[in-house]
C-alpha atoms as a PDB file:
ATOM      1  CA  UNK A   1      -7.387 -18.472  20.621  1.00  0.00           C
ATOM      2  CA  UNK A   2      -5.870 -15.209  19.321  1.00  0.00           C
ATOM      3  CA  UNK A   3      -8.410 -12.518  18.414  1.00  0.00           C
ATOM      4  CA  UNK A   4      -9.240 -11.914  14.772  1.00  0.00           C
ATOM      5  CA  UNK A   5      -7.291  -8.938  13.430  1.00  0.00           C
ATOM      6  CA  UNK A   6      -8.694  -9.004   9.875  1.00  0.00           C
ATOM      7  CA  UNK A   7     -11.295  -6.537   8.682  1.00  0.00           C
ATOM      8  CA  UNK A   8     -12.090  -8.912   5.785  1.00  0.00           C
ATOM      9  CA  UNK A   9     -13.350 -12.292   6.979  1.00  0.00           C
ATOM     10  CA  UNK A  10     -14.205 -15.202   4.758  1.00  0.00           C
ATOM     11  CA  UNK A  11     -17.424 -16.946   5.721  1.00  0.00           C
ATOM     12  CA  UNK A  12     -16.123 -20.376   6.689  1.00  0.00           C
ATOM     13  CA  UNK A  13     -15.594 -22.412   9.846  1.00  0.00           C
ATOM     14  CA  UNK A  14     -12.140 -20.939  10.477  1.00  0.00           C
ATOM     15  CA  UNK A  15     -13.951 -17.838  11.790  1.00  0.00           C
ATOM     16  CA  UNK A  16     -16.721 -19.724  13.581  1.00  0.00           C
ATOM     17  CA  UNK A  17     -15.825 -18.252  16.974  1.00  0.00           C
ATOM     18  CA  UNK A  18     -16.240 -14.728  15.562  1.00  0.00           C
ATOM     19  CA  UNK A  19     -19.678 -15.460  14.120  1.00  0.00           C
ATOM     20  CA  UNK A  20     -20.765 -17.228  17.311  1.00  0.00           C
ATOM     21  CA  UNK A  21     -19.782 -14.150  19.292  1.00  0.00           C
ATOM     22  CA  UNK A  22     -22.314 -12.149  17.268  1.00  0.00           C
ATOM     23  CA  UNK A  23     -25.082 -14.736  17.698  1.00  0.00           C
ATOM     24  CA  UNK A  24     -26.471 -13.113  20.827  1.00  0.00           C
ATOM     25  CA  UNK A  25     -28.949 -10.266  21.252  1.00  0.00           C
ATOM     26  CA  UNK A  26     -27.183  -9.186  24.453  1.00  0.00           C
ATOM     27  CA  UNK A  27     -23.774  -9.034  22.799  1.00  0.00           C
ATOM     28  CA  UNK A  28     -25.184  -7.028  19.897  1.00  0.00           C
ATOM     29  CA  UNK A  29     -26.682  -4.627  22.441  1.00  0.00           C
ATOM     30  CA  UNK A  30     -23.273  -4.276  24.108  1.00  0.00           C
ATOM     31  CA  UNK A  31     -21.680  -3.413  20.741  1.00  0.00           C
ATOM     32  CA  UNK A  32     -24.346  -0.782  20.075  1.00  0.00           C
ATOM     33  CA  UNK A  33     -23.851   0.745  23.531  1.00  0.00           C
ATOM     34  CA  UNK A  34     -20.112   1.077  22.869  1.00  0.00           C
ATOM     35  CA  UNK A  35     -20.567   2.846  19.533  1.00  0.00           C
ATOM     36  CA  UNK A  36     -20.770   6.312  21.079  1.00  0.00           C
ATOM     37  CA  UNK A  37     -18.547   5.929  24.169  1.00  0.00           C
ATOM     38  CA  UNK A  38     -16.489   3.546  26.282  1.00  0.00           C
ATOM     39  CA  UNK A  39     -18.410   2.058  29.193  1.00  0.00           C
ATOM     40  CA  UNK A  40     -17.636   0.137  32.382  1.00  0.00           C
ATOM     41  CA  UNK A  41     -19.055  -3.286  33.191  1.00  0.00           C
ATOM     42  CA  UNK A  42     -21.251  -1.735  35.879  1.00  0.00           C
ATOM     43  CA  UNK A  43     -22.580   0.878  33.452  1.00  0.00           C
ATOM     44  CA  UNK A  44     -23.392  -1.793  30.853  1.00  0.00           C
ATOM     45  CA  UNK A  45     -25.002  -3.879  33.575  1.00  0.00           C
ATOM     46  CA  UNK A  46     -27.328  -1.021  34.520  1.00  0.00           C
ATOM     47  CA  UNK A  47     -28.267  -0.202  30.936  1.00  0.00           C
ATOM     48  CA  UNK A  48     -28.973  -3.847  30.084  1.00  0.00           C
ATOM     49  CA  UNK A  49     -30.641  -4.674  33.421  1.00  0.00           C
ATOM     50  CA  UNK A  50     -28.328  -7.675  33.842  1.00  0.00           C
ATOM     51  CA  UNK A  51     -25.938  -8.694  36.600  1.00  0.00           C
ATOM     52  CA  UNK A  52     -22.285  -7.706  36.299  1.00  0.00           C
ATOM     53  CA  UNK A  53     -21.326 -11.390  36.190  1.00  0.00           C
ATOM     54  CA  UNK A  54     -23.534 -12.025  33.139  1.00  0.00           C
ATOM     55  CA  UNK A  55     -22.287  -8.885  31.351  1.00  0.00           C
ATOM     56  CA  UNK A  56     -18.668  -9.837  32.080  1.00  0.00           C
ATOM     57  CA  UNK A  57     -19.242 -13.234  30.483  1.00  0.00           C
ATOM     58  CA  UNK A  58     -20.583 -11.619  27.311  1.00  0.00           C
ATOM     59  CA  UNK A  59     -17.799  -9.026  27.269  1.00  0.00           C
ATOM     60  CA  UNK A  60     -15.147 -11.743  27.536  1.00  0.00           C
ATOM     61  CA  UNK A  61     -16.593 -13.515  24.492  1.00  0.00           C
ATOM     62  CA  UNK A  62     -16.480 -10.312  22.433  1.00  0.00           C
ATOM     63  CA  UNK A  63     -12.997  -9.533  23.696  1.00  0.00           C
ATOM     64  CA  UNK A  64     -11.662 -12.992  22.824  1.00  0.00           C
ATOM     65  CA  UNK A  65     -12.465 -12.467  19.129  1.00  0.00           C
ATOM     66  CA  UNK A  66     -11.161  -8.896  19.022  1.00  0.00           C
ATOM     67  CA  UNK A  67     -14.476  -7.037  18.675  1.00  0.00           C
ATOM     68  CA  UNK A  68     -13.899  -5.065  21.865  1.00  0.00           C
ATOM     69  CA  UNK A  69     -10.945  -4.327  24.141  1.00  0.00           C
ATOM     70  CA  UNK A  70     -11.118  -3.925  27.907  1.00  0.00           C
ATOM     71  CA  UNK A  71      -8.816  -1.937  30.147  1.00  0.00           C
ATOM     72  CA  UNK A  72      -8.705  -1.581  33.923  1.00  0.00           C
ATOM     73  CA  UNK A  73      -9.071   1.856  35.513  1.00  0.00           C
ATOM     74  CA  UNK A  74      -9.112   3.043  39.106  1.00  0.00           C
ATOM     75  CA  UNK A  75     -12.629   3.675  40.406  1.00  0.00           C
ATOM     76  CA  UNK A  76     -14.130   5.019  43.621  1.00  0.00           C
ATOM     77  CA  UNK A  77     -14.508   1.488  44.979  1.00  0.00           C
ATOM     78  CA  UNK A  78     -11.620  -0.424  43.483  1.00  0.00           C
ATOM     79  CA  UNK A  79     -10.832  -1.195  39.842  1.00  0.00           C
ATOM     80  CA  UNK A  80     -13.233  -0.698  36.941  1.00  0.00           C
ATOM     81  CA  UNK A  81     -13.195  -2.720  33.734  1.00  0.00           C
ATOM     82  CA  UNK A  82     -13.712  -0.245  30.875  1.00  0.00           C
ATOM     83  CA  UNK A  83     -14.867  -1.652  27.524  1.00  0.00           C
ATOM     84  CA  UNK A  84     -14.164  -0.008  24.180  1.00  0.00           C
ATOM     85  CA  UNK A  85     -15.121  -0.987  20.647  1.00  0.00           C
ATOM     86  CA  UNK A  86     -12.119  -2.365  18.775  1.00  0.00           C
ATOM     87  CA  UNK A  87     -13.697  -2.717  15.313  1.00  0.00           C
ATOM     88  CA  UNK A  88     -15.790  -0.167  13.425  1.00  0.00           C
ATOM     89  CA  UNK A  89     -16.217  -2.352  10.355  1.00  0.00           C
ATOM     90  CA  UNK A  90     -15.852  -5.980   9.284  1.00  0.00           C
ATOM     91  CA  UNK A  91     -16.446  -7.062   5.677  1.00  0.00           C
ATOM     92  CA  UNK A  92     -17.727 -10.608   5.178  1.00  0.00           C
ATOM     93  CA  UNK A  93     -16.474 -12.424   2.099  1.00  0.00           C
ATOM     94  CA  UNK A  94     -18.788 -15.208   0.890  1.00  0.00           C
ATOM     95  CA  UNK A  95     -16.740 -15.960  -2.220  1.00  0.00           C
ATOM     96  CA  UNK A  96     -13.937 -18.367  -1.285  1.00  0.00           C
ATOM     97  CA  UNK A  97     -12.017 -17.229  -4.382  1.00  0.00           C
ATOM     98  CA  UNK A  98     -11.875 -13.650  -3.146  1.00  0.00           C
ATOM     99  CA  UNK A  99      -8.329 -13.065  -4.397  1.00  0.00           C
ATOM    100  CA  UNK A 100      -9.567 -13.680  -7.941  1.00  0.00           C
ATOM    101  CA  UNK A 101     -12.455 -11.219  -7.726  1.00  0.00           C
ATOM    102  CA  UNK A 102     -12.685  -7.465  -8.020  1.00  0.00           C
ATOM    103  CA  UNK A 103     -11.600  -7.148  -4.359  1.00  0.00           C
ATOM    104  CA  UNK A 104      -8.167  -8.587  -5.099  1.00  0.00           C
ATOM    105  CA  UNK A 105      -5.368  -7.440  -2.827  1.00  0.00           C
ATOM    106  CA  UNK A 106      -1.720  -8.138  -2.135  1.00  0.00           C
ATOM    107  CA  UNK A 107      -0.838  -8.507   1.534  1.00  0.00           C
ATOM    108  CA  UNK A 108       2.574  -7.724   3.003  1.00  0.00           C
ATOM    109  CA  UNK A 109       3.972  -8.348   6.474  1.00  0.00           C
ATOM    110  CA  UNK A 110       6.631  -5.966   7.799  1.00  0.00           C
ATOM    111  CA  UNK A 111       8.481  -7.279  10.870  1.00  0.00           C
ATOM    112  CA  UNK A 112       8.688  -4.527  13.477  1.00  0.00           C
ATOM    113  CA  UNK A 113      12.472  -4.954  13.559  1.00  0.00           C
ATOM    114  CA  UNK A 114      12.896  -4.170   9.847  1.00  0.00           C
ATOM    115  CA  UNK A 115      12.969  -0.377  10.293  1.00  0.00           C
ATOM    116  CA  UNK A 116      15.476   1.570   8.185  1.00  0.00           C
ATOM    117  CA  UNK A 117      15.586   4.786  10.199  1.00  0.00           C
ATOM    118  CA  UNK A 118      14.860   5.959  13.725  1.00  0.00           C
ATOM    119  CA  UNK A 119      15.440   8.815  16.130  1.00  0.00           C
ATOM    120  CA  UNK A 120      14.300   8.039  19.633  1.00  0.00           C
ATOM    121  CA  UNK A 121      14.851   8.898  23.271  1.00  0.00           C
ATOM    122  CA  UNK A 122      15.030   6.751  26.405  1.00  0.00           C
ATOM    123  CA  UNK A 123      13.399   5.042  28.213  1.00  0.00           C
ATOM    124  CA  UNK A 124      13.467   2.615  25.307  1.00  0.00           C
ATOM    125  CA  UNK A 125      14.225  -0.994  24.520  1.00  0.00           C
ATOM    126  CA  UNK A 126      13.750  -4.046  22.336  1.00  0.00           C
ATOM    127  CA  UNK A 127      12.968  -7.653  23.158  1.00  0.00           C
ATOM    128  CA  UNK A 128      12.436 -10.947  21.401  1.00  0.00           C
ATOM    129  CA  UNK A 129       9.797 -13.427  22.526  1.00  0.00           C
ATOM    130  CA  UNK A 130      12.550 -15.225  24.468  1.00  0.00           C
ATOM    131  CA  UNK A 131      14.526 -12.473  26.201  1.00  0.00           C
ATOM    132  CA  UNK A 132      15.286  -8.762  26.439  1.00  0.00           C
ATOM    133  CA  UNK A 133      17.853  -7.848  23.789  1.00  0.00           C
ATOM    134  CA  UNK A 134      20.831  -5.967  25.230  1.00  0.00           C
ATOM    135  CA  UNK A 135      20.384  -3.285  27.866  1.00  0.00           C
ATOM    136  CA  UNK A 136      17.253  -1.178  28.147  1.00  0.00           C
ATOM    137  CA  UNK A 137      17.207   2.637  27.879  1.00  0.00           C
ATOM    138  CA  UNK A 138      20.063   2.851  25.355  1.00  0.00           C
ATOM    139  CA  UNK A 139      18.881   4.281  22.000  1.00  0.00           C
ATOM    140  CA  UNK A 140      21.978   2.898  20.258  1.00  0.00           C
ATOM    141  CA  UNK A 141      20.618  -0.569  20.961  1.00  0.00           C
ATOM    142  CA  UNK A 142      18.215  -0.017  18.056  1.00  0.00           C
ATOM    143  CA  UNK A 143      21.214  -0.678  15.775  1.00  0.00           C
ATOM    144  CA  UNK A 144      21.041  -4.289  17.009  1.00  0.00           C
ATOM    145  CA  UNK A 145      22.235  -6.427  14.053  1.00  0.00           C
ATOM    146  CA  UNK A 146      19.707  -9.259  14.462  1.00  0.00           C
ATOM    147  CA  UNK A 147      16.629  -7.082  14.340  1.00  0.00           C
ATOM    148  CA  UNK A 148      14.504  -9.848  12.814  1.00  0.00           C
ATOM    149  CA  UNK A 149      14.263 -11.235  16.359  1.00  0.00           C
ATOM    150  CA  UNK A 150      12.466  -8.162  17.743  1.00  0.00           C
ATOM    151  CA  UNK A 151       8.924  -8.869  18.976  1.00  0.00           C
ATOM    152  CA  UNK A 152       8.358  -5.672  20.986  1.00  0.00           C
ATOM    153  CA  UNK A 153      10.005  -2.257  20.879  1.00  0.00           C
ATOM    154  CA  UNK A 154       9.352   0.892  22.850  1.00  0.00           C
ATOM    155  CA  UNK A 155      10.571   4.479  23.083  1.00  0.00           C
ATOM    156  CA  UNK A 156       9.583   7.645  24.962  1.00  0.00           C
ATOM    157  CA  UNK A 157       9.682  10.106  22.067  1.00  0.00           C
ATOM    158  CA  UNK A 158      10.859  10.272  18.479  1.00  0.00           C
ATOM    159  CA  UNK A 159      10.059   8.182  15.424  1.00  0.00           C
ATOM    160  CA  UNK A 160      10.727   4.900  13.649  1.00  0.00           C
ATOM    161  CA  UNK A 161      10.443   4.404   9.869  1.00  0.00           C
ATOM    162  CA  UNK A 162       9.821   1.442   7.573  1.00  0.00           C
ATOM    163  CA  UNK A 163       9.931   0.930   3.810  1.00  0.00           C
ATOM    164  CA  UNK A 164       6.779  -0.634   2.391  1.00  0.00           C
ATOM    165  CA  UNK A 165       7.635  -3.608   0.146  1.00  0.00           C
ATOM    166  CA  UNK A 166       6.340  -2.426  -3.243  1.00  0.00           C
ATOM    167  CA  UNK A 167       8.533  -4.379  -5.690  1.00  0.00           C
ATOM    168  CA  UNK A 168       5.492  -6.190  -7.155  1.00  0.00           C
ATOM    169  CA  UNK A 169       2.876  -3.438  -6.778  1.00  0.00           C
ATOM    170  CA  UNK A 170       1.234  -1.858  -9.827  1.00  0.00           C
ATOM    171  CA  UNK A 171       0.450   1.702  -8.768  1.00  0.00           C
ATOM    172  CA  UNK A 172      -1.665   2.327 -11.852  1.00  0.00           C
ATOM    173  CA  UNK A 173      -4.414   0.047 -10.573  1.00  0.00           C
ATOM    174  CA  UNK A 174      -4.448   0.523  -6.800  1.00  0.00           C
ATOM    175  CA  UNK A 175      -7.808   1.198  -5.183  1.00  0.00           C
ATOM    176  CA  UNK A 176      -6.746   1.560  -1.540  1.00  0.00           C
ATOM    177  CA  UNK A 177      -3.963   0.889   0.939  1.00  0.00           C
ATOM    178  CA  UNK A 178      -4.490  -0.390   4.491  1.00  0.00           C
ATOM    179  CA  UNK A 179      -1.855  -0.488   7.225  1.00  0.00           C
ATOM    180  CA  UNK A 180      -2.525  -2.043  10.625  1.00  0.00           C
ATOM    181  CA  UNK A 181      -0.393  -2.480  13.733  1.00  0.00           C
ATOM    182  CA  UNK A 182      -0.791  -3.042  17.472  1.00  0.00           C
ATOM    183  CA  UNK A 183       0.533  -0.316  19.728  1.00  0.00           C
ATOM    184  CA  UNK A 184       0.002   1.724  22.886  1.00  0.00           C
ATOM    185  CA  UNK A 185       1.615   4.443  25.009  1.00  0.00           C
ATOM    186  CA  UNK A 186       4.934   4.017  26.828  1.00  0.00           C
ATOM    187  CA  UNK A 187       5.107   4.433  30.607  1.00  0.00           C
ATOM    188  CA  UNK A 188       7.677   3.167  33.099  1.00  0.00           C
ATOM    189  CA  UNK A 189       6.002  -0.098  34.105  1.00  0.00           C
ATOM    190  CA  UNK A 190       2.449   0.461  32.908  1.00  0.00           C
ATOM    191  CA  UNK A 191      -0.371   2.947  33.313  1.00  0.00           C
ATOM    192  CA  UNK A 192      -3.713   2.284  31.638  1.00  0.00           C
ATOM    193  CA  UNK A 193      -4.588   5.992  31.806  1.00  0.00           C
ATOM    194  CA  UNK A 194      -1.370   7.449  30.329  1.00  0.00           C
ATOM    195  CA  UNK A 195      -2.262   9.130  27.029  1.00  0.00           C
ATOM    196  CA  UNK A 196       0.060   9.456  24.059  1.00  0.00           C
ATOM    197  CA  UNK A 197      -0.363  11.273  20.734  1.00  0.00           C
ATOM    198  CA  UNK A 198       0.949   8.902  18.057  1.00  0.00           C
ATOM    199  CA  UNK A 199       1.325  10.108  14.479  1.00  0.00           C
ATOM    200  CA  UNK A 200       1.274   8.024  11.282  1.00  0.00           C
ATOM    201  CA  UNK A 201       3.009   9.181   8.093  1.00  0.00           C
ATOM    202  CA  UNK A 202       3.393   7.981   4.502  1.00  0.00           C
ATOM    203  CA  UNK A 203       6.400   9.558   2.764  1.00  0.00           C
ATOM    204  CA  UNK A 204       6.548  12.209   5.509  1.00  0.00           C
ATOM    205  CA  UNK A 205       2.939  13.223   4.841  1.00  0.00           C
ATOM    206  CA  UNK A 206       0.904  13.120   8.052  1.00  0.00           C
ATOM    207  CA  UNK A 207      -2.038  10.741   7.643  1.00  0.00           C
ATOM    208  CA  UNK A 208      -3.558  11.074  11.093  1.00  0.00           C
ATOM    209  CA  UNK A 209      -2.828  11.328  14.819  1.00  0.00           C
ATOM    210  CA  UNK A 210      -4.248   8.810  17.276  1.00  0.00           C
ATOM    211  CA  UNK A 211      -4.294   9.421  21.025  1.00  0.00           C
ATOM    212  CA  UNK A 212      -3.540   6.149  22.755  1.00  0.00           C
ATOM    213  CA  UNK A 213      -5.490   5.971  26.037  1.00  0.00           C
ATOM    214  CA  UNK A 214      -2.731   4.203  27.961  1.00  0.00           C
ATOM    215  CA  UNK A 215       0.118   1.735  28.387  1.00  0.00           C
ATOM    216  CA  UNK A 216      -1.733  -1.488  29.118  1.00  0.00           C
ATOM    217  CA  UNK A 217      -0.558  -3.969  31.728  1.00  0.00           C
ATOM    218  CA  UNK A 218      -3.619  -4.787  33.830  1.00  0.00           C
ATOM    219  CA  UNK A 219      -3.745  -8.321  32.374  1.00  0.00           C
ATOM    220  CA  UNK A 220      -1.489 -10.680  30.473  1.00  0.00           C
ATOM    221  CA  UNK A 221      -1.325 -10.145  26.722  1.00  0.00           C
ATOM    222  CA  UNK A 222      -2.827 -13.094  24.859  1.00  0.00           C
ATOM    223  CA  UNK A 223       0.494 -13.763  23.095  1.00  0.00           C
ATOM    224  CA  UNK A 224       2.906 -12.127  25.539  1.00  0.00           C
ATOM    225  CA  UNK A 225       5.404 -14.695  26.920  1.00  0.00           C
ATOM    226  CA  UNK A 226       5.046 -15.728  30.550  1.00  0.00           C
ATOM    227  CA  UNK A 227       8.570 -14.606  31.493  1.00  0.00           C
ATOM    228  CA  UNK A 228       7.888 -10.962  30.565  1.00  0.00           C
ATOM    229  CA  UNK A 229       7.486  -8.821  33.710  1.00  0.00           C
ATOM    230  CA  UNK A 230       8.235  -5.231  32.662  1.00  0.00           C
ATOM    231  CA  UNK A 231       4.628  -3.998  32.758  1.00  0.00           C
ATOM    232  CA  UNK A 232       3.388  -3.461  29.192  1.00  0.00           C
ATOM    233  CA  UNK A 233       1.363  -6.481  28.074  1.00  0.00           C
ATOM    234  CA  UNK A 234      -0.812  -5.582  25.077  1.00  0.00           C
ATOM    235  CA  UNK A 235      -1.881  -2.767  22.774  1.00  0.00           C
ATOM    236  CA  UNK A 236      -4.774  -1.736  20.546  1.00  0.00           C
ATOM    237  CA  UNK A 237      -4.930  -2.721  16.889  1.00  0.00           C
ATOM    238  CA  UNK A 238      -5.201   0.396  14.705  1.00  0.00           C
ATOM    239  CA  UNK A 239      -5.949   0.340  10.984  1.00  0.00           C
ATOM    240  CA  UNK A 240      -5.235   3.269   8.651  1.00  0.00           C
ATOM    241  CA  UNK A 241      -6.874   3.148   5.222  1.00  0.00           C
ATOM    242  CA  UNK A 242      -6.274   5.552   2.344  1.00  0.00           C
ATOM    243  CA  UNK A 243      -8.390   5.492  -0.818  1.00  0.00           C
ATOM    244  CA  UNK A 244      -9.663   8.078  -3.269  1.00  0.00           C
ATOM    245  CA  UNK A 245     -12.374   9.188  -0.835  1.00  0.00           C
ATOM    246  CA  UNK A 246      -9.903  10.179   1.869  1.00  0.00           C
ATOM    247  CA  UNK A 247      -8.025   8.795   4.872  1.00  0.00           C
ATOM    248  CA  UNK A 248      -9.706   6.614   7.511  1.00  0.00           C
ATOM    249  CA  UNK A 249      -8.736   5.400  10.979  1.00  0.00           C
ATOM    250  CA  UNK A 250     -10.560   2.220  12.029  1.00  0.00           C
ATOM    251  CA  UNK A 251     -13.244   2.896   9.417  1.00  0.00           C
ATOM    252  CA  UNK A 252     -13.840   6.529  10.446  1.00  0.00           C
ATOM    253  CA  UNK A 253     -12.840   9.265   7.985  1.00  0.00           C
ATOM    254  CA  UNK A 254     -10.237  11.579   9.516  1.00  0.00           C
ATOM    255  CA  UNK A 255      -9.318  13.838   6.573  1.00  0.00           C
ATOM    256  CA  UNK A 256      -9.630  14.341   2.810  1.00  0.00           C
ATOM    257  CA  UNK A 257      -6.090  13.239   1.905  1.00  0.00           C
ATOM    258  CA  UNK A 258      -6.521  10.776  -0.973  1.00  0.00           C
ATOM    259  CA  UNK A 259      -4.492   7.909  -2.340  1.00  0.00           C
ATOM    260  CA  UNK A 260      -4.170   9.729  -5.652  1.00  0.00           C
ATOM    261  CA  UNK A 261      -2.469  12.639  -3.897  1.00  0.00           C
ATOM    262  CA  UNK A 262      -0.134  10.329  -2.000  1.00  0.00           C
ATOM    263  CA  UNK A 263       0.873   8.245  -5.015  1.00  0.00           C
ATOM    264  CA  UNK A 264       1.122  11.048  -7.559  1.00  0.00           C
ATOM    265  CA  UNK A 265       4.195  10.414  -9.740  1.00  0.00           C
ATOM    266  CA  UNK A 266       5.267   7.655  -7.349  1.00  0.00           C
ATOM    267  CA  UNK A 267       8.285   5.759  -8.641  1.00  0.00           C
ATOM    268  CA  UNK A 268      10.442   4.821  -5.681  1.00  0.00           C
ATOM    269  CA  UNK A 269       9.896   3.361  -2.214  1.00  0.00           C
ATOM    270  CA  UNK A 270       7.111   4.368   0.139  1.00  0.00           C
ATOM    271  CA  UNK A 271       8.032   5.015   3.766  1.00  0.00           C
ATOM    272  CA  UNK A 272       5.725   4.459   6.740  1.00  0.00           C
ATOM    273  CA  UNK A 273       6.639   6.349   9.902  1.00  0.00           C
ATOM    274  CA  UNK A 274       5.300   6.049  13.438  1.00  0.00           C
ATOM    275  CA  UNK A 275       6.092   9.120  15.509  1.00  0.00           C
ATOM    276  CA  UNK A 276       5.512  10.285  19.074  1.00  0.00           C
ATOM    277  CA  UNK A 277       6.817  13.864  19.394  1.00  0.00           C
ATOM    278  CA  UNK A 278       7.616  15.349  22.783  1.00  0.00           C
ATOM    279  CA  UNK A 279       5.881  18.591  21.737  1.00  0.00           C
ATOM    280  CA  UNK A 280       2.284  17.328  21.554  1.00  0.00           C
ATOM    281  CA  UNK A 281      -0.493  17.742  24.130  1.00  0.00           C
ATOM    282  CA  UNK A 282       0.052  14.127  25.225  1.00  0.00           C
ATOM    283  CA  UNK A 283       3.758  13.232  24.784  1.00  0.00           C
ATOM    284  CA  UNK A 284       3.494   9.623  25.896  1.00  0.00           C
ATOM    285  CA  UNK A 285       5.755   7.499  23.691  1.00  0.00           C
ATOM    286  CA  UNK A 286       5.116   4.240  21.832  1.00  0.00           C
ATOM    287  CA  UNK A 287       5.057   0.498  22.413  1.00  0.00           C
ATOM    288  CA  UNK A 288       4.943  -1.362  19.077  1.00  0.00           C
ATOM    289  CA  UNK A 289       4.038  -5.065  19.183  1.00  0.00           C
ATOM    290  CA  UNK A 290       5.137  -7.847  16.858  1.00  0.00           C
ATOM    291  CA  UNK A 291       3.416 -11.138  16.175  1.00  0.00           C
ATOM    292  CA  UNK A 292       4.718 -12.852  19.333  1.00  0.00           C
ATOM    293  CA  UNK A 293       3.671 -10.131  21.788  1.00  0.00           C
ATOM    294  CA  UNK A 294       0.413  -8.506  22.805  1.00  0.00           C
ATOM    295  CA  UNK A 295      -3.056  -9.565  21.653  1.00  0.00           C
ATOM    296  CA  UNK A 296      -2.701  -9.827  17.856  1.00  0.00           C
ATOM    297  CA  UNK A 297      -0.704 -12.352  15.858  1.00  0.00           C
ATOM    298  CA  UNK A 298       0.817  -9.887  13.405  1.00  0.00           C
ATOM    299  CA  UNK A 299       3.612  -7.407  12.829  1.00  0.00           C
ATOM    300  CA  UNK A 300       2.882  -4.346  10.650  1.00  0.00           C
ATOM    301  CA  UNK A 301       0.353  -5.589   8.106  1.00  0.00           C
ATOM    302  CA  UNK A 302      -0.084  -3.820   4.749  1.00  0.00           C
ATOM    303  CA  UNK A 303      -2.748  -4.560   2.131  1.00  0.00           C
ATOM    304  CA  UNK A 304      -2.735  -3.095  -1.388  1.00  0.00           C
ATOM    305  CA  UNK A 305      -6.221  -3.381  -2.912  1.00  0.00           C
ATOM    306  CA  UNK A 306      -6.722  -3.365  -6.689  1.00  0.00           C
ATOM    307  CA  UNK A 307      -9.632  -2.277  -8.856  1.00  0.00           C
END
C-alpha cells in the first residue's frame, strides 16, 4: 500500500492502516524520539531497551504509512538504517462533509511534465513509468513534446517552473495555499549522503530553501517500476504552506512572508519554481517524482484553502 501523503485525513476506514500504525505505545515513543533528531535503528533500540529486530518491525509499520522515512548510511560496521520523521502535523477530519465546512479547499494536481519554463544543466533526464524518454544528459530533451508522460525528471543545477491552475480560484477569500511534492538530490547513480540546497519560489519570491540529505537508492521506491536501474528510487515529500501567519515547511515556520504579501494585487497566473543553483553551499541538483515513481502517489499537489 502506498504511504499516505495527505496532511488532512478523514476519519474513516480508508485510512485504517494509518490509525493502526499509531495504536502502539512503542511506535508513539519512536515518533517522539525522532522529533529532535534523526536516529539509527540501533540508537532507537538502545533508548527503548528493545531488540533491533523488534524496533525494525515497528519502524517498517510507520514507514509504510508515510509517518517516517528511512535511509541507509555507511556505518563503522556495515550499513545503518537512519530514521527521520516525515510528518510534523496531521489534521484529522471527523466531518465527512469537510468540503462543505469552513475548511473548504480546492485541490489541483500539476503533472511534473507540465512545466512552462526551465534552465538546467546535465546530467539530466526524463522518464515515463515505462521507459527512459530520449537520451539522458541532454538539456534540450526537456522540450520533449509528450511531456504528459513524464514520471521522473532530474537535473544537476538550474530551475524548472510551473503555472498554478487558478482559473477558478477566488483570491478574495483564500486562507492558505499548500504545495507538496516528492523530491531529492541528484547524484550519478545514487548517494544517500549527497546534500542539495533546493529552493522553492512563488512568482520569483523565495519561499524557503530545503537541504535534501541525499539521492536515495538504497531500496526500491514503493511505486518505482521494476525495470528502472539508474540508481534514484524515491524522495522525501515536502509541503510548503503559506497563510497570513507566515510561510511553513512541513508544519514548521520558516519566515514571516505572508499570503497577503504574495497575493497583493494578484490578477494573472502564479508561477511555482523549483531551483537548485550551483552557487549554494550544497549544489546537489534535483530529482522530482511524479505519481508513478518514488514513494508517493502524486505529482505536484496544490491546495487552496478558503475562509
